[in-house]
Amino acid sequence: MFANDVGSVADRVLVTPTVAIGTGTHTLTFNLSYATESGFDGCVLEIDVGVTGTFSDIITAGGTFNANGYNGTISTSFSSPILGRSAWTGNSGGYVAVDVTLPASAASSNVQLRWRMASDSSIGSTGVDLDDVLLVGPAGPVSAPAITSSAPTNAFVGTTYSYTVTATGSPAPTFGITGTLPAWLTWDGTDTLSGTPAAGDVGTVGPLTITATNTAGTDTEVFSITVSPSAPEIDIQDPNATAVASGSTVGVYAALVATASTGNFNIDNNGNVTLNITSTTTTNMVNCTTSNTGPGATIAASGSDTLAISVTPTAAGAFSFTVTIVNNDSDEGTYVLNFAGEAKAAADNEIVVLNPTGGDIANGGTLSENNTGTLAFNRAFTVRNIGGTTLTLSGGPIAISALNNCTVTPTQPASSSLGGAGTWLPTDEAFSLNITPTAAGAFSFLVTIGNDDADEAPFTFTFSGNTAGGGSGGGGGGGGGGCSTDSSNGLSIFALLGILSMLAISIRMRGSKA
């Protein structure tokens, strides 16, 4: 018996699992026996196309009965849950074979079917029975689940944590969770994990495992949640939406004497309480004047504000300044941004070449790498224009010569024209070198980059390698060894900027919050 016909208002349902429907026409057949209060109690068939959680009558949705469809209408009196609807009602005299064509909209979709038995406020009968359900038609696509959502891994005291799982797969997967849930965190049994931690819940929850399952397989997501006390969290992005760590140095490019350049820096509060900005000051100005606009005194949780920084170089050559933002972030309460650049009297181009770790290679210098082994390896480089006018590459433009115990194949830059840099954003082109040592021990070659920079054309550097340890080489190079640059001319200001930035990133990573 699917459902009894009781003498009071009742609404009982029988729902199928999700079914993947293929293309073309699909027919549903089943045997149905019903004995209900005629015209007042009855049974209907409903469908949810797309598994949205909303069911519609099979006929309303576009289906068609081919045999033994609805035989009556339910009265609008006596509070039936399906009042006014067509239904199977009365006495079928035993099982009847129902045949129904699904709506065209069901094709190539996931669907659920629902039989619904409804009783009104008085007089009962036997009820409804269902048997031999069969769906006939082309099989739908079947694919294993793949979880497409990512669980938030941070929660804050007093703030609601919520994660709703989503996944692809056909038929639509169901979700489950394993792991120990604390009292503040609950799983709704379907797809959502939520709750609000209190002060005593600070710590780590997990690991937790979400499992998505359908007939084709499973997928899992494993994560832990770190519960932290309520706090603000300051983060700053430069005008190119790149994160800037406290203590780092920001390069100012294409600067001209007596010409103001302004950049908008975004200040985010990624915490869950208000970030208070006590002061924003500029100090240590060398060969420049500056002015700042914003931010406001407070930034709401998950909010942001803008700090506009304007600098005007007062003389040709190097200039620098420091901006300090005092705030109530517990570990970044004094957020320091250093700025440095080189001003020109008139706009020109300026070539810079970066090694595989992002450091500046001096023109005429040497890049060393040890422990390369004897197999072929690839190294990526960047040609950068930090000047205000177009830099044009010429010749190869990457040419290799003076080969010693190696072969080298360059992959050329995609473009030979590097437009003028913006105040906060240089113009880059990548190139790479495929290097094969031909004998164990030391090897070297000369790289020449043709260009129209007035004082660095051509730009050259020597790559000095060793398949073993070698006698020198340092820094954090790729592969098994290190990379370093060496030049009798010393470091340019932009080499210094690269070193300061790498140091600041290291400090930021060690000091960042979990």
Protein backbone atom coordinates (compact mmCIF):
# COMPACT_ATOMS: atom_id res chain seq x y z
CA MET A 1 0.00 0.00 0.00
CA PHE A 2 1.46 3.38 -1.05
CA ALA A 3 -0.90 5.45 1.13
CA ASN A 4 -4.10 4.96 3.13
CA ASP A 5 -7.10 7.22 2.51
CA VAL A 6 -7.61 8.63 6.00
CA GLY A 7 -10.59 10.63 7.25
CA SER A 8 -8.60 13.84 7.82
CA VAL A 9 -6.51 16.24 5.78
CA ALA A 10 -3.37 14.43 4.64
CA ASP A 11 -0.82 14.74 1.86
CA ARG A 12 1.49 11.74 1.29
CA VAL A 13 4.07 11.49 -1.50
CA LEU A 14 6.24 8.85 -3.13
CA VAL A 15 9.26 10.36 -4.93
CA THR A 16 11.67 8.64 -7.32
CA PRO A 17 15.43 9.13 -7.22
CA THR A 18 16.84 11.50 -9.83
CA VAL A 19 16.61 9.98 -13.31
CA ALA A 20 18.75 11.09 -16.27
CA ILE A 21 16.48 11.32 -19.33
CA GLY A 22 17.99 10.96 -22.79
CA THR A 23 16.90 12.58 -26.03
CA GLY A 24 13.63 11.71 -27.70
CA THR A 25 10.27 10.58 -26.30
CA HIS A 26 9.98 8.74 -22.98
CA THR A 27 6.99 6.75 -21.76
CA LEU A 28 6.17 5.94 -18.14
CA THR A 29 4.00 2.92 -17.32
CA PHE A 30 2.81 1.63 -13.95
CA ASN A 31 -0.02 -0.33 -12.36
CA LEU A 32 -2.27 1.72 -10.08
CA SER A 33 -5.02 0.58 -7.73
CA TYR A 34 -7.10 3.17 -5.89
CA ALA A 35 -10.14 3.17 -3.62
CA THR A 36 -10.81 6.70 -2.31
CA GLU A 37 -13.74 8.92 -1.39
CA SER A 38 -14.86 9.74 -4.91
CA GLY A 39 -14.48 13.39 -5.89
CA PHE A 40 -12.94 14.35 -2.55
CA ASP A 41 -9.80 12.22 -2.08
CA GLY A 42 -7.44 11.16 -4.85
CA CYS A 43 -3.98 10.68 -6.35
CA VAL A 44 -1.99 12.72 -8.89
CA LEU A 45 1.30 12.28 -10.76
CA GLU A 46 3.81 15.18 -10.74
CA ILE A 47 7.21 15.83 -12.30
CA ASP A 48 10.21 18.02 -11.47
CA VAL A 49 12.20 18.72 -14.65
CA GLY A 50 15.76 19.76 -13.87
CA VAL A 51 15.48 18.68 -10.21
CA THR A 52 14.76 22.22 -9.05
CA GLY A 53 12.71 21.20 -6.03
CA THR A 54 9.46 22.34 -7.69
CA PHE A 55 6.97 19.73 -8.92
CA SER A 56 4.20 20.31 -11.48
CA ASP A 57 1.29 18.10 -12.49
CA ILE A 58 2.35 15.78 -15.29
CA ILE A 59 -0.32 17.23 -17.62
CA THR A 60 0.41 20.86 -16.70
CA ALA A 61 4.09 20.21 -17.44
CA GLY A 62 3.21 18.99 -20.95
CA GLY A 63 2.82 15.24 -20.49
CA THR A 64 0.07 13.16 -22.10
CA PHE A 65 -1.88 10.17 -20.78
CA ASN A 66 -2.08 7.35 -23.32
CA ALA A 67 -4.17 5.01 -21.14
CA ASN A 68 -6.05 5.19 -17.83
CA GLY A 69 -5.39 8.83 -17.05
CA TYR A 70 -7.16 10.96 -14.47
CA ASN A 71 -10.87 10.12 -14.10
CA GLY A 72 -12.25 12.97 -11.99
CA THR A 73 -11.81 16.35 -10.32
CA ILE A 74 -11.24 16.90 -6.60
CA SER A 75 -13.79 19.09 -4.83
CA THR A 76 -12.78 22.60 -3.79
CA SER A 77 -14.53 22.04 -0.46
CA PHE A 78 -13.21 20.25 2.64
CA SER A 79 -9.56 21.41 2.38
CA SER A 80 -8.02 18.77 0.15
CA PRO A 81 -4.34 19.56 -0.60
CA ILE A 82 -5.12 18.98 -4.31
CA LEU A 83 -8.51 20.69 -4.40
CA GLY A 84 -9.75 21.64 -7.86
CA ARG A 85 -7.25 19.38 -9.63
CA SER A 86 -7.83 16.47 -11.97
CA ALA A 87 -6.90 13.19 -10.26
CA TRP A 88 -7.49 9.48 -9.94
CA THR A 89 -10.45 9.30 -7.55
CA GLY A 90 -13.13 6.80 -6.56
CA ASN A 91 -12.63 3.05 -7.08
CA SER A 92 -10.53 1.58 -9.89
CA GLY A 93 -11.81 -1.96 -9.24
CA GLY A 94 -8.28 -3.32 -8.95
CA TYR A 95 -5.10 -2.48 -10.77
CA VAL A 96 -5.27 -0.46 -14.00
CA ALA A 97 -2.32 -0.03 -16.37
CA VAL A 98 -1.44 3.66 -16.67
CA ASP A 99 0.56 4.82 -19.69
CA VAL A 100 1.86 8.41 -19.89
CA THR A 101 4.28 10.22 -22.20
CA LEU A 102 6.67 12.56 -20.38
CA PRO A 103 6.78 16.25 -21.34
CA ALA A 104 9.14 17.19 -24.18
CA SER A 105 10.99 19.41 -21.71
CA ALA A 106 12.17 16.29 -19.87
CA ALA A 107 14.40 15.25 -22.78
CA SER A 108 18.12 15.50 -21.98
CA SER A 109 17.33 16.52 -18.40
CA ASN A 110 17.45 15.10 -14.92
CA VAL A 111 13.94 14.56 -13.54
CA GLN A 112 12.11 13.28 -10.49
CA LEU A 113 8.58 11.84 -10.49
CA ARG A 114 6.19 12.10 -7.56
CA TRP A 115 2.93 10.27 -6.84
CA ARG A 116 0.80 12.27 -4.44
CA MET A 117 -2.16 10.90 -2.43
CA ALA A 118 -4.33 13.61 -0.80
CA SER A 119 -7.25 13.27 1.62
CA ASP A 120 -9.73 15.96 2.66
CA SER A 121 -11.08 16.76 6.12
CA SER A 122 -13.58 13.90 6.43
CA ILE A 123 -14.55 10.35 5.37
CA GLY A 124 -11.78 7.95 4.48
CA SER A 125 -11.48 4.84 2.35
CA THR A 126 -8.90 2.20 1.46
CA GLY A 127 -6.21 4.24 -0.30
CA VAL A 128 -3.81 3.91 -3.23
CA ASP A 129 -1.37 1.18 -4.26
CA LEU A 130 1.35 1.38 -6.92
CA ASP A 131 3.31 -1.37 -8.67
CA ASP A 132 5.49 -2.24 -11.70
CA VAL A 133 6.83 1.24 -12.52
CA LEU A 134 8.70 1.28 -15.84
CA LEU A 135 10.27 4.18 -17.76
CA VAL A 136 10.98 3.45 -21.43
CA GLY A 137 13.09 5.59 -23.76
CA PRO A 138 16.67 6.34 -24.83
CA ALA A 139 19.08 6.29 -21.90
CA GLY A 140 20.22 9.63 -20.61
CA PRO A 141 23.88 10.68 -20.33
CA VAL A 142 25.71 9.25 -17.35
CA SER A 143 28.76 10.92 -15.82
CA ALA A 144 30.51 10.63 -12.50
CA PRO A 145 30.17 13.48 -10.00
CA ALA A 146 32.71 16.31 -9.82
CA ILE A 147 32.42 18.72 -6.90
CA THR A 148 32.59 22.27 -8.27
CA SER A 149 32.36 24.24 -5.02
CA SER A 150 35.13 24.94 -2.51
CA ALA A 151 34.49 25.01 1.21
CA PRO A 152 35.46 28.18 3.10
CA THR A 153 38.29 27.20 5.41
CA ASN A 154 37.99 30.13 7.82
CA ALA A 155 35.25 30.94 10.31
CA PHE A 156 34.98 33.75 12.84
CA VAL A 157 33.45 33.89 16.28
CA GLY A 158 29.95 35.38 16.11
CA THR A 159 29.72 35.22 12.31
CA THR A 160 27.63 32.60 10.51
CA TYR A 161 29.61 30.06 8.53
CA SER A 162 27.81 28.52 5.55
CA TYR A 163 28.87 26.20 2.75
CA THR A 164 26.52 24.82 0.09
CA VAL A 165 28.02 22.01 -1.98
CA THR A 166 27.57 21.98 -5.75
CA ALA A 167 28.67 19.34 -8.25
CA THR A 168 28.27 18.22 -11.82
CA GLY A 169 27.32 14.68 -12.79
CA SER A 170 24.43 12.77 -14.28
CA PRO A 171 22.23 11.68 -12.70
CA ALA A 172 22.49 14.54 -10.23
CA PRO A 173 24.62 13.40 -7.28
CA THR A 174 23.60 13.26 -3.66
CA PHE A 175 25.89 14.57 -0.93
CA GLY A 176 27.04 13.28 2.42
CA ILE A 177 29.57 14.31 5.05
CA THR A 178 31.91 12.40 7.34
CA GLY A 179 34.08 13.66 10.16
CA THR A 180 33.38 15.01 13.63
CA LEU A 181 31.12 18.07 13.64
CA PRO A 182 31.23 20.33 16.71
CA ALA A 183 27.98 21.40 18.36
CA TRP A 184 27.96 24.77 16.57
CA LEU A 185 28.18 23.24 13.06
CA THR A 186 25.36 21.24 11.42
CA TRP A 187 24.77 19.42 8.13
CA ASP A 188 21.23 19.82 6.76
CA GLY A 189 21.20 16.30 5.32
CA THR A 190 21.14 17.57 1.74
CA ASP A 191 23.88 19.94 0.65
CA THR A 192 24.60 22.66 3.24
CA LEU A 193 26.96 22.92 6.21
CA SER A 194 26.33 25.90 8.49
CA GLY A 195 26.54 27.32 11.98
CA THR A 196 27.87 30.15 14.14
CA PRO A 197 30.91 29.55 16.37
CA ALA A 198 31.19 31.07 19.84
CA ALA A 199 34.28 32.24 21.74
CA GLY A 200 34.87 28.75 23.11
CA ASP A 201 34.95 27.26 19.61
CA VAL A 202 38.24 28.87 18.53
CA GLY A 203 40.46 26.21 16.96
CA THR A 204 40.36 23.76 14.06
CA VAL A 205 37.43 21.66 12.88
CA GLY A 206 38.21 18.64 10.75
CA PRO A 207 39.31 17.18 8.59
CA LEU A 208 35.82 16.87 7.12
CA THR A 209 34.99 14.94 3.95
CA ILE A 210 32.14 15.82 1.59
CA THR A 211 31.17 12.97 -0.74
CA ALA A 212 29.16 13.38 -3.96
CA THR A 213 27.66 10.12 -5.23
CA ASN A 214 25.63 8.93 -8.22
CA THR A 215 25.34 5.70 -10.18
CA ALA A 216 28.52 6.50 -12.11
CA GLY A 217 30.83 7.04 -9.16
CA THR A 218 31.88 9.40 -6.38
CA ASP A 219 33.92 12.52 -5.78
CA THR A 220 35.21 13.86 -2.47
CA GLU A 221 36.35 17.15 -0.98
CA VAL A 222 38.46 17.13 2.18
CA PHE A 223 38.92 20.30 4.21
CA SER A 224 39.33 21.74 7.69
CA ILE A 225 37.88 24.93 9.15
CA THR A 226 39.95 27.30 11.27
CA VAL A 227 37.82 29.22 13.78
CA SER A 228 39.39 32.56 14.74
CA PRO A 229 38.37 35.30 17.17
CA SER A 230 36.55 38.26 15.70
CA ALA A 231 39.09 40.63 14.16
CA PRO A 232 39.68 42.99 11.24
CA GLU A 233 42.14 41.96 8.50
CA ILE A 234 43.77 44.59 6.28
CA ASP A 235 44.89 43.74 2.76
CA ILE A 236 46.03 46.18 0.08
CA GLN A 237 46.10 45.84 -3.73
CA ASP A 238 47.99 48.11 -6.10
CA PRO A 239 46.29 49.77 -9.12
CA ASN A 240 46.80 46.52 -11.05
CA ALA A 241 44.83 44.52 -8.41
CA THR A 242 48.03 42.82 -7.23
CA ALA A 243 48.41 42.24 -3.49
CA VAL A 244 51.03 44.46 -1.85
CA ALA A 245 52.54 43.16 1.39
CA SER A 246 53.37 45.46 4.26
CA GLY A 247 57.04 46.41 4.04
CA SER A 248 57.31 45.77 0.32
CA THR A 249 58.58 48.19 -2.30
CA VAL A 250 56.31 49.32 -5.12
CA GLY A 251 57.96 50.39 -8.36
CA VAL A 252 56.87 53.69 -9.93
CA TYR A 253 57.48 53.54 -13.68
CA ALA A 254 57.62 56.05 -16.54
CA ALA A 255 57.86 58.99 -14.12
CA LEU A 256 58.61 62.46 -15.49
CA VAL A 257 60.09 65.42 -13.65
CA ALA A 258 57.44 67.91 -12.44
CA THR A 259 54.60 65.67 -13.63
CA ALA A 260 52.17 64.16 -11.12
CA SER A 261 51.26 60.48 -11.33
CA THR A 262 48.34 59.07 -9.32
CA GLY A 263 47.44 55.49 -8.47
CA ASN A 264 44.40 54.11 -6.64
CA PHE A 265 45.26 51.47 -4.05
CA ASN A 266 42.42 49.31 -2.78
CA ILE A 267 42.27 48.67 0.98
CA ASP A 268 40.20 45.60 1.86
CA ASN A 269 38.95 44.51 5.26
CA ASN A 270 38.83 40.72 5.00
CA GLY A 271 38.00 40.33 8.68
CA ASN A 272 34.61 40.15 10.35
CA VAL A 273 34.67 43.35 12.41
CA THR A 274 35.29 46.99 11.49
CA LEU A 275 38.79 48.02 10.42
CA ASN A 276 39.69 51.39 11.96
CA ILE A 277 42.18 53.56 10.05
CA THR A 278 43.92 55.82 12.57
CA SER A 279 46.21 57.69 10.16
CA THR A 280 47.75 57.65 6.69
CA THR A 281 51.06 59.52 6.47
CA THR A 282 53.85 60.01 3.94
CA THR A 283 57.49 60.20 5.06
CA ASN A 284 61.05 59.76 3.74
CA MET A 285 60.39 61.75 0.57
CA VAL A 286 63.49 61.94 -1.63
CA ASN A 287 63.42 64.08 -4.79
CA CYS A 288 59.61 64.18 -4.89
CA THR A 289 56.44 65.64 -3.43
CA THR A 290 53.35 63.57 -2.66
CA SER A 291 49.69 63.84 -1.69
CA ASN A 292 47.15 61.24 -0.57
CA THR A 293 43.36 61.09 -0.68
CA GLY A 294 41.47 58.62 1.52
CA PRO A 295 40.80 56.15 2.94
CA GLY A 296 38.00 56.85 5.40
CA ALA A 297 38.33 56.34 9.13
CA THR A 298 36.53 52.98 9.09
CA ILE A 299 36.07 50.07 6.70
CA ALA A 300 33.25 47.65 7.47
CA ALA A 301 33.79 43.90 7.66
CA SER A 302 34.22 42.49 4.14
CA GLY A 303 34.28 46.08 2.86
CA SER A 304 36.86 48.15 1.02
CA ASP A 305 37.99 51.73 0.45
CA THR A 306 40.45 53.53 -1.82
CA LEU A 307 43.74 55.27 -1.09
CA ALA A 308 44.77 57.56 -3.96
CA ILE A 309 48.54 58.21 -3.95
CA SER A 310 49.98 61.00 -6.12
CA VAL A 311 53.73 61.58 -6.60
CA THR A 312 55.56 64.37 -8.45
CA PRO A 313 59.33 63.91 -8.98
CA THR A 314 61.27 67.15 -8.43
CA ALA A 315 64.51 66.16 -10.16
CA ALA A 316 65.78 63.68 -12.72
CA GLY A 317 67.07 60.45 -11.23
CA ALA A 318 66.06 58.24 -8.35
CA PHE A 319 63.17 59.23 -6.08
CA SER A 320 61.42 57.45 -3.22
CA PHE A 321 58.91 57.86 -0.40
CA THR A 322 57.07 55.82 2.24
CA VAL A 323 53.34 55.63 3.05
CA THR A 324 52.34 54.32 6.50
CA ILE A 325 48.77 53.27 7.34
CA VAL A 326 48.09 52.89 11.07
CA ASN A 327 45.10 50.65 11.81
CA ASN A 328 43.68 48.13 14.31
CA ASP A 329 44.72 44.90 12.57
CA SER A 330 46.45 42.97 15.35
CA ASP A 331 49.51 41.90 13.34
CA GLU A 332 49.59 44.57 10.61
CA GLY A 333 48.65 47.62 12.65
CA THR A 334 51.42 49.64 10.99
CA TYR A 335 51.14 48.88 7.28
CA VAL A 336 54.17 50.27 5.42
CA LEU A 337 54.39 50.76 1.66
CA ASN A 338 57.70 51.87 0.17
CA PHE A 339 57.78 53.50 -3.26
CA ALA A 340 60.76 54.03 -5.58
CA GLY A 341 61.34 55.02 -9.16
CA GLU A 342 63.58 56.88 -11.56
CA ALA A 343 62.35 60.14 -13.07
CA LYS A 344 63.27 61.35 -16.54
CA ALA A 345 63.20 64.84 -17.96
CA ALA A 346 61.47 63.50 -21.06
CA ALA A 347 59.69 60.24 -21.79
CA ASP A 348 61.81 57.45 -23.25
CA ASN A 349 61.97 53.66 -23.26
CA GLU A 350 63.92 51.58 -20.75
CA ILE A 351 64.71 47.86 -21.07
CA VAL A 352 64.87 45.55 -18.06
CA VAL A 353 65.44 41.79 -18.26
CA LEU A 354 64.23 39.51 -15.46
CA ASN A 355 65.73 36.13 -14.62
CA PRO A 356 63.63 32.97 -14.01
CA THR A 357 63.04 33.93 -10.36
CA GLY A 358 61.94 37.48 -11.22
CA GLY A 359 65.18 39.26 -10.32
CA ASP A 360 66.76 41.99 -12.45
CA ILE A 361 69.69 40.95 -14.69
CA ALA A 362 72.25 43.73 -15.16
CA ASN A 363 73.24 44.54 -18.73
CA GLY A 364 76.59 42.82 -19.32
CA GLY A 365 76.17 40.70 -16.20
CA THR A 366 76.27 36.96 -15.58
CA LEU A 367 73.47 34.62 -14.56
CA SER A 368 74.85 31.50 -12.86
CA GLU A 369 73.15 28.17 -12.21
CA ASN A 370 74.68 25.02 -10.78
CA ASN A 371 73.56 21.40 -10.41
CA THR A 372 71.66 21.48 -13.70
CA GLY A 373 72.45 17.89 -14.62
CA THR A 374 73.16 16.89 -18.20
CA LEU A 375 69.59 16.63 -19.47
CA ALA A 376 67.89 19.41 -21.43
CA PHE A 377 66.09 22.01 -19.30
CA ASN A 378 64.05 25.13 -19.96
CA ARG A 379 64.34 28.57 -18.35
CA ALA A 380 61.81 31.40 -18.68
CA PHE A 381 62.80 35.08 -18.86
CA THR A 382 61.00 38.41 -19.20
CA VAL A 383 61.84 41.47 -21.27
CA ARG A 384 60.29 44.50 -19.59
CA ASN A 385 59.77 48.11 -20.68
CA ILE A 386 59.65 50.47 -17.69
CA GLY A 387 59.86 53.62 -19.79
CA GLY A 388 57.06 55.80 -21.04
CA THR A 389 57.56 55.24 -24.79
CA THR A 390 57.52 52.09 -26.93
CA LEU A 391 60.48 49.72 -26.72
CA THR A 392 61.13 47.95 -30.03
CA LEU A 393 63.02 44.67 -30.10
CA SER A 394 65.14 43.95 -33.17
CA GLY A 395 67.21 41.20 -34.73
CA GLY A 396 66.28 37.74 -33.46
CA PRO A 397 65.50 39.48 -31.13
CA ILE A 398 66.95 36.82 -28.80
CA ALA A 399 70.30 35.70 -30.23
CA ILE A 400 72.60 33.05 -28.75
CA SER A 401 76.38 33.01 -29.29
CA ALA A 402 79.69 32.03 -27.64
CA LEU A 403 78.38 28.53 -26.94
CA ASN A 404 80.61 26.45 -24.68
CA ASN A 405 79.72 22.78 -24.00
CA CYS A 406 76.00 23.27 -24.68
CA THR A 407 73.28 23.85 -27.25
CA VAL A 408 70.57 26.48 -26.75
CA THR A 409 67.27 27.02 -28.58
CA PRO A 410 65.41 30.27 -27.82
CA THR A 411 61.64 30.70 -27.97
CA GLN A 412 61.19 34.27 -29.14
CA PRO A 413 58.87 36.88 -27.56
CA ALA A 414 55.36 36.92 -29.01
CA SER A 415 55.74 40.59 -29.94
CA SER A 416 58.72 42.79 -30.76
CA SER A 417 56.90 45.94 -29.65
CA LEU A 418 56.51 46.72 -25.95
CA GLY A 419 54.28 49.75 -25.41
CA GLY A 420 55.09 52.44 -22.90
CA ALA A 421 54.69 51.50 -19.25
CA GLY A 422 51.98 52.92 -17.05
CA THR A 423 52.86 54.59 -13.77
CA TRP A 424 52.32 51.37 -11.83
CA LEU A 425 52.44 48.74 -14.59
CA PRO A 426 55.39 47.90 -16.87
CA THR A 427 54.96 46.20 -20.24
CA ASP A 428 56.27 42.64 -20.43
CA GLU A 429 57.10 40.04 -23.07
CA ALA A 430 58.25 36.53 -22.20
CA PHE A 431 60.92 34.42 -23.86
CA SER A 432 62.51 31.11 -22.92
CA LEU A 433 65.72 29.19 -23.49
CA ASN A 434 65.91 25.43 -23.94
CA ILE A 435 69.38 24.50 -22.74
CA THR A 436 71.19 21.18 -23.27
CA PRO A 437 74.65 20.65 -21.74
CA THR A 438 76.78 18.55 -24.12
CA ALA A 439 79.35 17.51 -21.53
CA ALA A 440 79.55 17.21 -17.78
CA GLY A 441 80.95 20.20 -15.95
CA ALA A 442 80.92 23.90 -16.81
CA PHE A 443 79.05 25.34 -19.79
CA SER A 444 78.14 28.86 -20.88
CA PHE A 445 76.70 31.04 -23.62
CA LEU A 446 75.98 34.68 -24.41
CA VAL A 447 72.45 36.05 -24.78
CA THR A 448 71.99 39.18 -26.90
CA ILE A 449 68.68 41.08 -27.04
CA GLY A 450 68.43 43.62 -29.84
CA ASN A 451 66.44 46.73 -28.91
CA ASP A 452 66.27 50.51 -29.33
CA ASP A 453 66.96 51.60 -25.74
CA ALA A 454 69.44 54.45 -26.27
CA ASP A 455 71.89 53.34 -23.58
CA GLU A 456 71.32 49.56 -23.43
CA ALA A 457 71.30 48.46 -27.06
CA PRO A 458 72.02 45.66 -27.39
CA PHE A 459 71.29 44.14 -23.99
CA THR A 460 73.58 41.20 -23.21
CA PHE A 461 74.16 38.72 -20.41
CA THR A 462 76.16 35.53 -19.98
CA PHE A 463 74.55 32.32 -18.75
CA SER A 464 77.16 30.36 -16.80
CA GLY A 465 76.13 26.85 -15.80
CA ASN A 466 77.54 23.71 -14.29
CA THR A 467 76.04 20.25 -14.42
CA ALA A 468 77.42 19.67 -10.92
CA GLY A 469 77.95 21.99 -7.95
CA GLY A 470 80.32 24.41 -9.63
CA GLY A 471 82.36 27.02 -7.86
CA SER A 472 79.75 29.73 -7.39
CA GLY A 473 76.14 30.62 -7.91
CA GLY A 474 73.54 31.55 -5.42
CA GLY A 475 70.02 32.77 -5.01
CA GLY A 476 66.84 30.81 -5.56
CA GLY A 477 67.10 29.62 -9.11
CA GLY A 478 64.99 26.99 -10.81
CA GLY A 479 66.06 23.42 -11.33
CA GLY A 480 68.59 21.83 -9.04
CA GLY A 481 70.82 24.88 -8.57
CA GLY A 482 70.68 28.56 -7.90
CA CYS A 483 70.55 31.65 -10.09
CA SER A 484 72.51 34.85 -9.49
CA THR A 485 73.48 37.98 -11.38
CA ASP A 486 76.90 39.61 -11.35
CA SER A 487 78.10 42.84 -12.90
CA SER A 488 81.00 45.22 -12.23
CA ASN A 489 78.55 48.08 -12.76
CA GLY A 490 76.65 47.22 -9.54
CA LEU A 491 72.88 47.01 -9.03
CA SER A 492 70.47 49.39 -10.72
CA ILE A 493 67.61 50.85 -8.68
CA PHE A 494 65.26 48.35 -10.30
CA ALA A 495 67.50 45.45 -9.28
CA LEU A 496 67.29 46.80 -5.74
CA LEU A 497 63.48 47.02 -6.05
CA GLY A 498 63.35 43.36 -7.09
CA ILE A 499 65.44 42.27 -4.10
CA LEU A 500 63.41 44.38 -1.66
CA SER A 501 60.14 43.00 -3.07
CA MET A 502 61.29 39.38 -2.73
CA LEU A 503 62.41 40.05 0.87
CA ALA A 504 59.08 41.71 1.69
CA ILE A 505 57.14 38.79 0.24
CA SER A 506 59.14 36.41 2.43
CA ILE A 507 58.43 38.50 5.52
CA ARG A 508 54.73 38.75 4.62
CA MET A 509 54.40 34.98 4.20
CA ARG A 510 56.03 34.31 7.57
CA GLY A 511 53.90 36.91 9.33
CA SER A 512 50.55 36.25 7.70
CA LYS A 513 47.56 34.90 9.61
CA ALA A 514 46.46 31.30 9.29
